[in-house]
């Protein structure tokens, strides 16, 4: 198959998993092209949109027979931004993954396959991303190996998660660590670290697991 991998943010946490997917696809004999802009997509059988931050316009999607997105929620619930993060904050340890066809509406296409990530409740963000990244690679390979797959229309009431901002990493100094542990688990120590304001001063906290 002629497979394209589109990742429009080279600094994304998913970059090493995109490398892994590219290698595994080539090892299976597929022709793989990796690009950073939708405008550079070639014609082919399938394009995987990997951790893309931009909505891909129809004229670029038309270059592939299939355009695949893999999203960490049970669609149509949990569309939008950072779905795994929001679900961890909700106290969930089983995070569903949906692989679906990209269409004009955001996160609305037919679902090809699903998987579930299980968390034990102690993982920090890098460990969570590791499990998510591996699940995405596995589903992408499954799509290619079982091609063509039959999609199923989404059913049920949709919901959306908002894009997270630095404000969402703010701790409440009046609450305990235990009460806010899920928030500490999902912060990025460099891009959006945990912080709190006390007596007119703001302090930054970084969290690491001692092995």
N, C-alpha and C. Protein backbone atom coordinates (compact mmCIF):
# COMPACT_ATOMS: atom_id res chain seq x y z
N UNK A 1 0.83 -1.19 0.00
CA UNK A 1 0.00 0.00 0.00
C UNK A 1 0.87 1.25 0.00
N UNK A 2 0.33 2.33 -0.54
CA UNK A 2 0.97 3.63 -0.47
C UNK A 2 0.40 4.37 0.73
N UNK A 3 1.23 4.53 1.75
CA UNK A 3 0.78 5.08 3.04
C UNK A 3 1.51 6.39 3.31
N UNK A 4 0.74 7.41 3.73
CA UNK A 4 1.32 8.68 4.13
C UNK A 4 1.12 8.88 5.62
N UNK A 5 2.10 9.47 6.27
CA UNK A 5 2.02 9.83 7.68
C UNK A 5 2.14 11.35 7.77
N UNK A 6 1.10 11.99 8.28
CA UNK A 6 1.10 13.44 8.43
C UNK A 6 1.14 13.80 9.91
N UNK A 7 2.17 14.52 10.31
CA UNK A 7 2.27 15.04 11.67
C UNK A 7 2.70 16.49 11.57
N UNK A 8 1.78 17.42 11.84
CA UNK A 8 2.06 18.83 11.56
C UNK A 8 2.79 19.55 12.69
N UNK A 9 3.10 18.84 13.77
CA UNK A 9 3.86 19.44 14.87
C UNK A 9 5.07 18.57 15.16
N UNK A 10 6.26 18.94 14.64
CA UNK A 10 7.44 18.09 14.83
C UNK A 10 7.87 17.95 16.28
N UNK A 11 7.37 18.84 17.17
CA UNK A 11 7.72 18.78 18.59
C UNK A 11 6.72 17.96 19.40
N UNK A 12 5.78 17.35 18.72
CA UNK A 12 4.76 16.57 19.40
C UNK A 12 5.38 15.41 20.18
N UNK A 13 4.77 15.06 21.30
CA UNK A 13 5.21 13.89 22.06
C UNK A 13 5.12 12.62 21.24
N UNK A 14 4.29 12.62 20.17
CA UNK A 14 4.08 11.42 19.40
C UNK A 14 5.21 11.13 18.40
N UNK A 15 6.15 12.05 18.23
CA UNK A 15 7.18 11.91 17.20
C UNK A 15 7.91 10.56 17.23
N UNK A 16 8.38 10.06 18.39
CA UNK A 16 9.08 8.77 18.36
C UNK A 16 8.17 7.61 17.97
N UNK A 17 6.87 7.73 18.25
CA UNK A 17 5.95 6.67 17.86
C UNK A 17 5.65 6.72 16.37
N UNK A 18 5.67 7.93 15.80
CA UNK A 18 5.56 8.06 14.35
C UNK A 18 6.77 7.42 13.68
N UNK A 19 7.97 7.59 14.27
CA UNK A 19 9.17 6.93 13.75
C UNK A 19 8.98 5.41 13.76
N UNK A 20 8.47 4.91 14.87
CA UNK A 20 8.26 3.46 15.01
C UNK A 20 7.26 2.95 13.98
N UNK A 21 6.16 3.68 13.80
CA UNK A 21 5.15 3.27 12.83
C UNK A 21 5.73 3.26 11.42
N UNK A 22 6.50 4.28 11.08
CA UNK A 22 7.10 4.35 9.75
C UNK A 22 8.00 3.14 9.50
N UNK A 23 8.83 2.81 10.48
CA UNK A 23 9.74 1.67 10.33
C UNK A 23 8.97 0.36 10.16
N UNK A 24 7.94 0.17 10.99
CA UNK A 24 7.19 -1.08 10.93
C UNK A 24 6.41 -1.21 9.62
N UNK A 25 5.91 -0.11 9.11
CA UNK A 25 5.21 -0.16 7.82
C UNK A 25 6.18 -0.51 6.69
N UNK A 26 7.36 0.10 6.71
CA UNK A 26 8.36 -0.21 5.68
C UNK A 26 8.80 -1.67 5.78
N UNK A 27 8.97 -2.15 7.02
CA UNK A 27 9.37 -3.55 7.21
C UNK A 27 8.35 -4.52 6.64
N UNK A 28 7.09 -4.08 6.58
CA UNK A 28 6.02 -4.93 6.05
C UNK A 28 5.86 -4.76 4.53
N UNK A 29 6.75 -3.98 3.93
CA UNK A 29 6.76 -3.85 2.49
C UNK A 29 5.93 -2.74 1.91
N UNK A 30 5.43 -1.84 2.75
CA UNK A 30 4.59 -0.75 2.25
C UNK A 30 5.45 0.45 1.84
N UNK A 31 4.93 1.24 0.92
CA UNK A 31 5.59 2.48 0.49
C UNK A 31 5.12 3.60 1.41
N UNK A 32 6.03 4.23 2.13
CA UNK A 32 5.66 5.20 3.16
C UNK A 32 6.26 6.57 2.85
N UNK A 33 5.40 7.60 2.95
CA UNK A 33 5.85 8.99 2.82
C UNK A 33 5.43 9.72 4.08
N UNK A 34 6.36 10.45 4.66
CA UNK A 34 6.06 11.22 5.88
C UNK A 34 6.20 12.71 5.60
N UNK A 35 5.17 13.47 5.95
CA UNK A 35 5.17 14.90 5.67
C UNK A 35 4.73 15.68 6.90
N UNK A 36 5.04 16.98 6.89
CA UNK A 36 4.66 17.84 8.00
C UNK A 36 3.58 18.83 7.65
N UNK A 37 3.17 18.86 6.36
CA UNK A 37 2.12 19.77 5.92
C UNK A 37 1.14 19.02 5.03
N UNK A 38 -0.14 19.34 5.20
CA UNK A 38 -1.15 18.69 4.38
C UNK A 38 -0.94 18.99 2.90
N UNK A 39 -0.41 20.16 2.58
CA UNK A 39 -0.18 20.54 1.19
C UNK A 39 0.80 19.60 0.50
N UNK A 40 1.65 18.92 1.27
CA UNK A 40 2.68 18.06 0.70
C UNK A 40 2.25 16.60 0.59
N UNK A 41 1.01 16.32 0.93
CA UNK A 41 0.55 14.93 0.85
C UNK A 41 0.51 14.45 -0.59
N UNK A 42 1.03 13.25 -0.86
CA UNK A 42 0.93 12.68 -2.21
C UNK A 42 -0.38 11.91 -2.35
N UNK A 43 -0.67 11.44 -3.52
CA UNK A 43 -1.81 10.55 -3.71
C UNK A 43 -1.42 9.16 -3.22
N UNK A 44 -2.42 8.45 -2.66
CA UNK A 44 -2.11 7.13 -2.15
C UNK A 44 -3.34 6.41 -1.63
N UNK A 45 -3.09 5.31 -0.95
CA UNK A 45 -4.18 4.48 -0.43
C UNK A 45 -4.68 4.96 0.92
N UNK A 46 -3.77 5.44 1.77
CA UNK A 46 -4.15 5.75 3.15
C UNK A 46 -3.23 6.81 3.72
N UNK A 47 -3.82 7.76 4.44
CA UNK A 47 -3.05 8.75 5.20
C UNK A 47 -3.44 8.66 6.66
N UNK A 48 -2.46 8.58 7.54
CA UNK A 48 -2.70 8.64 8.97
C UNK A 48 -2.37 10.05 9.46
N UNK A 49 -3.36 10.69 10.11
CA UNK A 49 -3.14 11.99 10.72
C UNK A 49 -2.71 11.74 12.16
N UNK A 50 -1.45 12.03 12.46
CA UNK A 50 -0.84 11.66 13.73
C UNK A 50 -0.61 12.90 14.59
N UNK A 51 -1.39 13.02 15.65
CA UNK A 51 -1.24 14.14 16.57
C UNK A 51 -1.31 15.47 15.83
N UNK A 52 -2.19 15.57 14.85
CA UNK A 52 -2.32 16.80 14.06
C UNK A 52 -3.06 17.88 14.84
N UNK A 53 -2.60 19.10 14.71
CA UNK A 53 -3.23 20.22 15.40
C UNK A 53 -4.11 21.04 14.47
N UNK A 54 -4.02 20.78 13.16
CA UNK A 54 -4.81 21.54 12.19
C UNK A 54 -5.91 20.65 11.61
N UNK A 55 -7.02 21.27 11.25
CA UNK A 55 -8.08 20.56 10.53
C UNK A 55 -7.63 20.42 9.07
N UNK A 56 -7.68 19.20 8.56
CA UNK A 56 -7.20 18.93 7.20
C UNK A 56 -8.34 19.16 6.22
N UNK A 57 -8.11 20.03 5.26
CA UNK A 57 -9.15 20.43 4.32
C UNK A 57 -9.47 19.30 3.34
N UNK A 58 -10.72 19.29 2.80
CA UNK A 58 -11.16 18.21 1.91
C UNK A 58 -10.26 18.01 0.69
N UNK A 59 -9.73 19.09 0.12
CA UNK A 59 -8.92 18.92 -1.09
C UNK A 59 -7.64 18.12 -0.82
N UNK A 60 -7.15 18.17 0.43
CA UNK A 60 -5.96 17.38 0.77
C UNK A 60 -6.35 15.95 1.16
N UNK A 61 -7.50 15.80 1.82
CA UNK A 61 -7.96 14.45 2.14
C UNK A 61 -8.28 13.66 0.88
N UNK A 62 -8.68 14.36 -0.19
CA UNK A 62 -9.06 13.69 -1.43
C UNK A 62 -7.88 12.98 -2.10
N UNK A 63 -6.68 13.24 -1.65
CA UNK A 63 -5.51 12.61 -2.26
C UNK A 63 -5.34 11.16 -1.81
N UNK A 64 -6.04 10.75 -0.75
CA UNK A 64 -5.97 9.37 -0.27
C UNK A 64 -7.35 8.73 -0.30
N UNK A 65 -7.37 7.42 -0.51
CA UNK A 65 -8.64 6.69 -0.45
C UNK A 65 -9.20 6.72 0.97
N UNK A 66 -8.31 6.67 1.95
CA UNK A 66 -8.74 6.70 3.35
C UNK A 66 -7.85 7.66 4.12
N UNK A 67 -8.47 8.37 5.06
CA UNK A 67 -7.76 9.31 5.93
C UNK A 67 -8.12 8.95 7.36
N UNK A 68 -7.13 8.51 8.12
CA UNK A 68 -7.38 7.88 9.41
C UNK A 68 -6.90 8.75 10.56
N UNK A 69 -7.77 8.88 11.56
CA UNK A 69 -7.43 9.54 12.81
C UNK A 69 -7.62 8.53 13.93
N UNK A 70 -6.74 8.58 14.93
CA UNK A 70 -6.87 7.70 16.10
C UNK A 70 -6.92 8.59 17.33
N UNK A 71 -8.01 8.47 18.09
CA UNK A 71 -8.38 9.44 19.12
C UNK A 71 -8.69 8.71 20.43
N UNK A 72 -8.23 9.25 21.54
CA UNK A 72 -8.34 8.57 22.84
C UNK A 72 -9.67 8.85 23.55
N UNK A 73 -10.76 8.44 22.93
CA UNK A 73 -12.06 8.50 23.61
C UNK A 73 -13.03 7.56 22.91
N UNK A 74 -14.15 7.31 23.55
CA UNK A 74 -15.20 6.46 22.98
C UNK A 74 -16.14 7.35 22.18
N UNK A 75 -15.75 7.64 20.96
CA UNK A 75 -16.54 8.53 20.11
C UNK A 75 -17.96 8.00 19.92
N UNK A 76 -18.95 8.90 19.88
CA UNK A 76 -18.84 10.37 19.73
C UNK A 76 -18.63 11.14 21.03
N UNK A 77 -18.44 10.45 22.14
CA UNK A 77 -18.16 11.15 23.40
C UNK A 77 -16.67 11.47 23.47
N UNK A 78 -16.36 12.65 23.96
CA UNK A 78 -14.97 13.03 24.16
C UNK A 78 -14.24 13.50 22.93
N UNK A 79 -14.95 14.14 22.00
CA UNK A 79 -14.28 14.75 20.86
C UNK A 79 -13.45 15.95 21.34
N UNK A 80 -12.56 16.41 20.47
CA UNK A 80 -11.83 17.63 20.80
C UNK A 80 -10.42 17.36 21.30
N UNK A 81 -9.99 18.17 22.26
CA UNK A 81 -8.59 18.26 22.66
C UNK A 81 -8.27 17.41 23.89
N UNK A 82 -7.05 16.84 23.90
CA UNK A 82 -6.47 16.16 25.06
C UNK A 82 -7.45 15.22 25.76
N UNK A 83 -8.09 14.30 25.03
CA UNK A 83 -9.12 13.48 25.63
C UNK A 83 -8.62 12.58 26.76
N UNK A 84 -7.42 12.01 26.64
CA UNK A 84 -6.93 11.15 27.72
C UNK A 84 -6.71 11.96 28.99
N UNK A 85 -6.13 13.14 28.86
CA UNK A 85 -5.88 14.00 30.01
C UNK A 85 -7.17 14.32 30.75
N UNK A 86 -8.18 14.73 30.02
CA UNK A 86 -9.45 15.08 30.66
C UNK A 86 -10.07 13.87 31.35
N UNK A 87 -9.94 12.69 30.75
CA UNK A 87 -10.53 11.51 31.36
C UNK A 87 -9.79 11.09 32.64
N UNK A 88 -8.47 11.27 32.67
CA UNK A 88 -7.72 11.00 33.89
C UNK A 88 -8.19 11.94 34.99
N UNK A 89 -8.40 13.20 34.65
CA UNK A 89 -8.91 14.16 35.64
C UNK A 89 -10.30 13.77 36.13
N UNK A 90 -11.05 13.07 35.30
CA UNK A 90 -12.38 12.58 35.70
C UNK A 90 -12.29 11.34 36.57
N UNK A 91 -11.07 10.83 36.77
CA UNK A 91 -10.88 9.66 37.61
C UNK A 91 -10.93 8.33 36.88
N UNK A 92 -10.85 8.35 35.55
CA UNK A 92 -10.95 7.12 34.79
C UNK A 92 -9.58 6.46 34.64
N UNK A 93 -9.57 5.13 34.68
CA UNK A 93 -8.35 4.37 34.46
C UNK A 93 -8.38 3.54 33.18
N UNK A 94 -9.55 3.35 32.61
CA UNK A 94 -9.68 2.66 31.33
C UNK A 94 -10.00 3.70 30.26
N UNK A 95 -9.06 3.92 29.37
CA UNK A 95 -9.17 4.97 28.37
C UNK A 95 -9.41 4.34 27.00
N UNK A 96 -10.58 4.55 26.40
CA UNK A 96 -10.86 3.97 25.08
C UNK A 96 -10.12 4.71 23.98
N UNK A 97 -9.81 3.97 22.91
CA UNK A 97 -9.15 4.52 21.73
C UNK A 97 -10.02 4.20 20.52
N UNK A 98 -10.30 5.19 19.69
CA UNK A 98 -11.15 5.00 18.50
C UNK A 98 -10.35 5.34 17.25
N UNK A 99 -10.37 4.43 16.27
CA UNK A 99 -9.75 4.69 14.96
C UNK A 99 -10.87 4.93 13.96
N UNK A 100 -10.86 6.09 13.29
CA UNK A 100 -11.98 6.46 12.44
C UNK A 100 -11.54 7.21 11.20
N UNK A 101 -12.48 7.32 10.26
CA UNK A 101 -12.24 8.04 9.01
C UNK A 101 -12.43 9.54 9.23
N UNK A 102 -11.46 10.34 8.78
CA UNK A 102 -11.59 11.79 8.87
C UNK A 102 -12.61 12.29 7.85
N UNK A 103 -13.51 13.14 8.30
CA UNK A 103 -14.54 13.75 7.44
C UNK A 103 -14.57 15.24 7.71
N UNK A 104 -15.51 15.94 7.08
CA UNK A 104 -15.57 17.40 7.23
C UNK A 104 -15.81 17.82 8.68
N UNK A 105 -16.70 17.13 9.37
CA UNK A 105 -16.97 17.45 10.78
C UNK A 105 -15.88 16.85 11.65
N UNK A 106 -15.49 17.57 12.70
CA UNK A 106 -14.39 17.14 13.57
C UNK A 106 -14.76 15.86 14.32
N UNK A 107 -13.87 14.87 14.22
CA UNK A 107 -14.00 13.61 14.98
C UNK A 107 -15.35 12.95 14.77
N UNK A 108 -15.86 12.96 13.54
CA UNK A 108 -17.23 12.50 13.30
C UNK A 108 -17.34 11.31 12.35
N UNK A 109 -16.23 10.82 11.81
CA UNK A 109 -16.30 9.78 10.78
C UNK A 109 -16.60 8.39 11.31
N UNK A 110 -16.82 7.47 10.39
CA UNK A 110 -17.10 6.07 10.75
C UNK A 110 -15.92 5.47 11.50
N UNK A 111 -16.22 4.64 12.49
CA UNK A 111 -15.21 4.01 13.33
C UNK A 111 -14.83 2.65 12.75
N UNK A 112 -13.52 2.43 12.59
CA UNK A 112 -13.01 1.16 12.05
C UNK A 112 -12.69 0.15 13.15
N UNK A 113 -12.12 0.61 14.24
CA UNK A 113 -11.72 -0.31 15.30
C UNK A 113 -11.50 0.49 16.58
N UNK A 114 -11.52 -0.21 17.70
CA UNK A 114 -11.30 0.43 19.00
C UNK A 114 -10.33 -0.42 19.83
N UNK A 115 -9.78 0.21 20.85
CA UNK A 115 -8.92 -0.48 21.81
C UNK A 115 -9.10 0.23 23.15
N UNK A 116 -8.48 -0.30 24.19
CA UNK A 116 -8.57 0.30 25.51
C UNK A 116 -7.20 0.31 26.17
N UNK A 117 -6.84 1.46 26.71
CA UNK A 117 -5.62 1.59 27.51
C UNK A 117 -6.02 1.45 28.98
N UNK A 118 -5.33 0.60 29.72
CA UNK A 118 -5.60 0.49 31.15
C UNK A 118 -4.50 1.19 31.94
N UNK A 119 -4.90 2.06 32.84
CA UNK A 119 -3.98 2.74 33.75
C UNK A 119 -4.18 2.20 35.16
N UNK A 120 -3.10 2.12 35.92
CA UNK A 120 -3.19 1.64 37.30
C UNK A 120 -3.40 2.76 38.31
N UNK A 121 -3.29 4.00 37.85
CA UNK A 121 -3.54 5.12 38.75
C UNK A 121 -2.29 5.79 39.28
N UNK A 122 -1.11 5.26 38.94
CA UNK A 122 0.14 5.86 39.40
C UNK A 122 0.93 6.49 38.28
N UNK A 123 0.54 6.24 37.02
CA UNK A 123 1.34 6.69 35.87
C UNK A 123 1.37 8.22 35.77
N UNK A 124 2.54 8.74 35.43
CA UNK A 124 2.66 10.16 35.10
C UNK A 124 2.51 10.31 33.58
N UNK A 125 2.52 11.55 33.11
CA UNK A 125 2.12 11.83 31.74
C UNK A 125 2.96 11.08 30.70
N UNK A 126 4.27 10.95 30.92
CA UNK A 126 5.09 10.26 29.92
C UNK A 126 4.71 8.79 29.82
N UNK A 127 4.39 8.17 30.96
CA UNK A 127 3.97 6.77 30.94
C UNK A 127 2.61 6.62 30.25
N UNK A 128 1.71 7.54 30.49
CA UNK A 128 0.41 7.51 29.82
C UNK A 128 0.58 7.67 28.32
N UNK A 129 1.44 8.60 27.92
CA UNK A 129 1.67 8.80 26.50
C UNK A 129 2.31 7.57 25.86
N UNK A 130 3.15 6.88 26.62
CA UNK A 130 3.75 5.66 26.10
C UNK A 130 2.69 4.62 25.78
N UNK A 131 1.73 4.45 26.67
CA UNK A 131 0.66 3.49 26.43
C UNK A 131 -0.23 3.93 25.28
N UNK A 132 -0.51 5.22 25.22
CA UNK A 132 -1.33 5.73 24.12
C UNK A 132 -0.60 5.60 22.79
N UNK A 133 0.68 5.95 22.77
CA UNK A 133 1.45 5.85 21.54
C UNK A 133 1.51 4.44 21.00
N UNK A 134 1.74 3.47 21.89
CA UNK A 134 1.78 2.08 21.46
C UNK A 134 0.43 1.61 20.93
N UNK A 135 -0.65 2.05 21.57
CA UNK A 135 -1.98 1.67 21.11
C UNK A 135 -2.28 2.25 19.73
N UNK A 136 -1.85 3.50 19.49
CA UNK A 136 -2.07 4.13 18.18
C UNK A 136 -1.29 3.38 17.10
N UNK A 137 -0.04 3.04 17.37
CA UNK A 137 0.77 2.30 16.40
C UNK A 137 0.11 0.96 16.08
N UNK A 138 -0.35 0.26 17.12
CA UNK A 138 -0.97 -1.05 16.92
C UNK A 138 -2.23 -0.95 16.06
N UNK A 139 -3.07 0.07 16.33
CA UNK A 139 -4.29 0.23 15.54
C UNK A 139 -3.98 0.60 14.09
N UNK A 140 -3.00 1.47 13.89
CA UNK A 140 -2.63 1.86 12.53
C UNK A 140 -2.14 0.64 11.74
N UNK A 141 -1.31 -0.17 12.36
CA UNK A 141 -0.83 -1.38 11.68
C UNK A 141 -1.98 -2.34 11.40
N UNK A 142 -2.92 -2.42 12.32
CA UNK A 142 -4.08 -3.29 12.12
C UNK A 142 -4.88 -2.83 10.90
N UNK A 143 -5.05 -1.52 10.74
CA UNK A 143 -5.81 -1.02 9.59
C UNK A 143 -5.16 -1.46 8.29
N UNK A 144 -3.85 -1.35 8.22
CA UNK A 144 -3.13 -1.71 6.99
C UNK A 144 -3.17 -3.22 6.77
N UNK A 145 -2.97 -3.99 7.84
CA UNK A 145 -2.91 -5.45 7.70
C UNK A 145 -4.27 -6.05 7.35
N UNK A 146 -5.36 -5.41 7.84
CA UNK A 146 -6.70 -5.95 7.60
C UNK A 146 -7.44 -5.19 6.51
N UNK A 147 -6.72 -4.39 5.76
CA UNK A 147 -7.34 -3.57 4.71
C UNK A 147 -8.01 -4.46 3.66
N UNK A 148 -9.22 -4.08 3.20
CA UNK A 148 -10.02 -2.93 3.65
C UNK A 148 -10.87 -3.27 4.88
N UNK A 149 -10.97 -2.33 5.81
CA UNK A 149 -11.80 -2.50 7.00
C UNK A 149 -13.15 -1.83 6.78
N UNK A 150 -14.16 -2.37 7.41
CA UNK A 150 -15.50 -1.82 7.31
C UNK A 150 -15.76 -0.87 8.48
N UNK A 151 -16.12 0.37 8.18
CA UNK A 151 -16.40 1.33 9.24
C UNK A 151 -17.84 1.25 9.73
N UNK A 152 -18.03 1.72 10.96
CA UNK A 152 -19.35 1.74 11.59
C UNK A 152 -19.69 3.18 11.97
N UNK A 153 -20.87 3.69 11.59
CA UNK A 153 -21.23 5.07 11.97
C UNK A 153 -21.24 5.26 13.48
N UNK A 154 -20.86 6.43 13.91
CA UNK A 154 -20.89 6.75 15.34
C UNK A 154 -22.34 6.85 15.81
N UNK A 155 -22.58 6.40 17.04
CA UNK A 155 -23.91 6.44 17.62
C UNK A 155 -23.85 7.04 19.01
N UNK A 156 -24.90 7.76 19.38
CA UNK A 156 -24.99 8.31 20.72
C UNK A 156 -24.80 9.81 20.74
N UNK A 157 -24.87 10.37 21.93
CA UNK A 157 -24.75 11.82 22.11
C UNK A 157 -23.29 12.21 22.14
N UNK A 158 -22.94 13.24 21.38
CA UNK A 158 -21.55 13.67 21.33
C UNK A 158 -21.24 14.65 22.45
N UNK A 159 -19.98 14.69 22.83
CA UNK A 159 -19.49 15.66 23.80
C UNK A 159 -18.10 16.10 23.36
N UNK A 160 -17.66 17.25 23.88
CA UNK A 160 -16.40 17.83 23.43
C UNK A 160 -15.55 18.24 24.63
N UNK A 161 -14.25 18.00 24.50
CA UNK A 161 -13.29 18.49 25.47
C UNK A 161 -12.64 19.77 24.92
N UNK A 162 -12.42 20.73 25.80
CA UNK A 162 -11.81 22.00 25.40
C UNK A 162 -10.29 21.86 25.32
N UNK A 163 -9.68 22.75 24.60
CA UNK A 163 -8.22 22.79 24.53
C UNK A 163 -7.68 23.26 25.88
N UNK A 164 -6.67 22.55 26.40
CA UNK A 164 -6.12 22.92 27.70
C UNK A 164 -5.18 24.12 27.57
N UNK A 165 -5.11 24.89 28.66
CA UNK A 165 -4.24 26.06 28.71
C UNK A 165 -3.42 25.99 30.00
N UNK A 166 -2.41 26.86 30.16
CA UNK A 166 -1.62 26.84 31.41
C UNK A 166 -2.49 26.96 32.66
N UNK A 167 -3.60 27.65 32.57
CA UNK A 167 -4.49 27.81 33.72
C UNK A 167 -4.99 26.46 34.23
N UNK A 168 -5.11 25.48 33.32
CA UNK A 168 -5.61 24.16 33.70
C UNK A 168 -4.62 23.36 34.52
N UNK A 169 -3.37 23.84 34.65
CA UNK A 169 -2.36 23.16 35.46
C UNK A 169 -2.19 23.82 36.82
N UNK A 170 -3.13 24.67 37.20
CA UNK A 170 -3.02 25.39 38.47
C UNK A 170 -3.56 24.54 39.63
N UNK A 171 -2.75 24.43 40.67
CA UNK A 171 -3.13 23.71 41.89
C UNK A 171 -3.78 24.66 42.88
N UNK A 172 -4.60 24.10 43.75
CA UNK A 172 -5.21 24.87 44.84
C UNK A 172 -4.41 24.62 46.11
N UNK A 173 -3.71 25.63 46.64
CA UNK A 173 -2.87 25.41 47.82
C UNK A 173 -3.66 25.02 49.06
N UNK A 174 -4.97 25.18 49.04
CA UNK A 174 -5.81 24.82 50.19
C UNK A 174 -6.19 23.35 50.17
N UNK A 175 -5.92 22.66 49.05
CA UNK A 175 -6.26 21.24 48.95
C UNK A 175 -5.01 20.38 49.11
N UNK A 176 -5.21 19.11 49.46
CA UNK A 176 -4.08 18.21 49.68
C UNK A 176 -3.51 17.71 48.36
N UNK A 177 -2.30 17.14 48.43
CA UNK A 177 -1.70 16.51 47.25
C UNK A 177 -2.57 15.37 46.77
N UNK A 178 -3.07 14.58 47.71
CA UNK A 178 -3.89 13.42 47.33
C UNK A 178 -5.13 13.85 46.55
N UNK A 179 -5.74 14.95 46.97
CA UNK A 179 -6.93 15.45 46.28
C UNK A 179 -6.62 15.90 44.85
N UNK A 180 -5.39 16.32 44.62
CA UNK A 180 -5.02 16.88 43.32
C UNK A 180 -4.02 16.01 42.57
N UNK A 181 -3.88 14.75 43.00
CA UNK A 181 -2.85 13.91 42.41
C UNK A 181 -3.09 13.66 40.92
N UNK A 182 -4.34 13.48 40.51
CA UNK A 182 -4.58 13.27 39.08
C UNK A 182 -4.15 14.47 38.24
N UNK A 183 -4.30 15.67 38.79
CA UNK A 183 -3.83 16.85 38.07
C UNK A 183 -2.31 16.84 37.98
N UNK A 184 -1.63 16.47 39.07
CA UNK A 184 -0.18 16.39 39.04
C UNK A 184 0.30 15.34 38.05
N UNK A 185 -0.46 14.28 37.89
CA UNK A 185 -0.08 13.19 36.99
C UNK A 185 -0.05 13.63 35.53
N UNK A 186 -0.93 14.53 35.16
CA UNK A 186 -1.10 14.84 33.74
C UNK A 186 -0.40 16.13 33.30
N UNK A 187 0.28 16.82 34.21
CA UNK A 187 0.97 18.05 33.80
C UNK A 187 2.26 17.71 33.06
N UNK A 188 2.65 18.57 32.17
CA UNK A 188 3.92 18.46 31.45
C UNK A 188 4.91 19.39 32.15
N UNK A 189 5.98 18.81 32.69
CA UNK A 189 6.91 19.60 33.50
C UNK A 189 7.55 20.76 32.74
N UNK A 190 7.64 20.67 31.44
CA UNK A 190 8.29 21.72 30.66
C UNK A 190 7.29 22.65 29.99
N UNK A 191 6.28 22.09 29.34
CA UNK A 191 5.36 22.91 28.54
C UNK A 191 4.27 23.56 29.38
N UNK A 192 3.70 22.83 30.32
CA UNK A 192 2.66 23.40 31.17
C UNK A 192 2.75 22.78 32.56
N UNK A 193 3.77 23.20 33.35
CA UNK A 193 3.99 22.61 34.68
C UNK A 193 2.91 22.99 35.68
N UNK A 194 2.80 22.19 36.72
CA UNK A 194 1.90 22.52 37.82
C UNK A 194 2.40 23.77 38.52
N UNK A 195 1.46 24.59 38.97
CA UNK A 195 1.83 25.81 39.67
C UNK A 195 0.71 26.21 40.62
N UNK A 196 1.05 27.06 41.59
CA UNK A 196 0.03 27.59 42.49
C UNK A 196 0.46 28.99 42.93
N UNK A 197 -0.52 29.76 43.35
CA UNK A 197 -0.28 31.12 43.82
C UNK A 197 -0.63 31.20 45.30
N UNK A 198 0.29 31.75 46.09
CA UNK A 198 0.09 31.88 47.53
C UNK A 198 0.76 33.16 48.00
N UNK A 199 0.03 33.95 48.78
CA UNK A 199 0.55 35.21 49.32
C UNK A 199 1.10 36.12 48.22
N UNK A 200 0.40 36.12 47.09
CA UNK A 200 0.76 37.02 46.01
C UNK A 200 1.91 36.56 45.14
N UNK A 201 2.44 35.37 45.39
CA UNK A 201 3.54 34.84 44.60
C UNK A 201 3.12 33.53 43.94
N UNK A 202 3.62 33.29 42.72
CA UNK A 202 3.30 32.06 42.01
C UNK A 202 4.51 31.14 42.02
N UNK A 203 4.28 29.88 42.32
CA UNK A 203 5.33 28.88 42.43
C UNK A 203 5.06 27.75 41.43
N UNK A 204 6.14 27.20 40.88
CA UNK A 204 6.05 26.10 39.91
C UNK A 204 6.52 24.81 40.57
N UNK A 205 5.77 23.76 40.36
CA UNK A 205 6.13 22.43 40.86
C UNK A 205 6.36 21.49 39.69
N UNK A 206 7.41 20.68 39.78
CA UNK A 206 7.64 19.64 38.79
C UNK A 206 7.61 18.29 39.48
N UNK A 207 7.00 17.31 38.83
CA UNK A 207 6.83 16.01 39.45
C UNK A 207 7.58 14.93 38.66
N UNK A 208 8.28 14.07 39.39
CA UNK A 208 9.01 12.95 38.83
C UNK A 208 8.73 11.73 39.70
N UNK A 209 8.76 10.57 39.07
CA UNK A 209 8.56 9.33 39.84
C UNK A 209 9.92 8.77 40.25
N UNK A 210 10.07 8.43 41.53
CA UNK A 210 11.28 7.80 42.01
C UNK A 210 11.16 6.29 41.81
N UNK A 211 12.08 5.74 41.02
CA UNK A 211 12.02 4.30 40.72
C UNK A 211 12.73 3.52 41.82
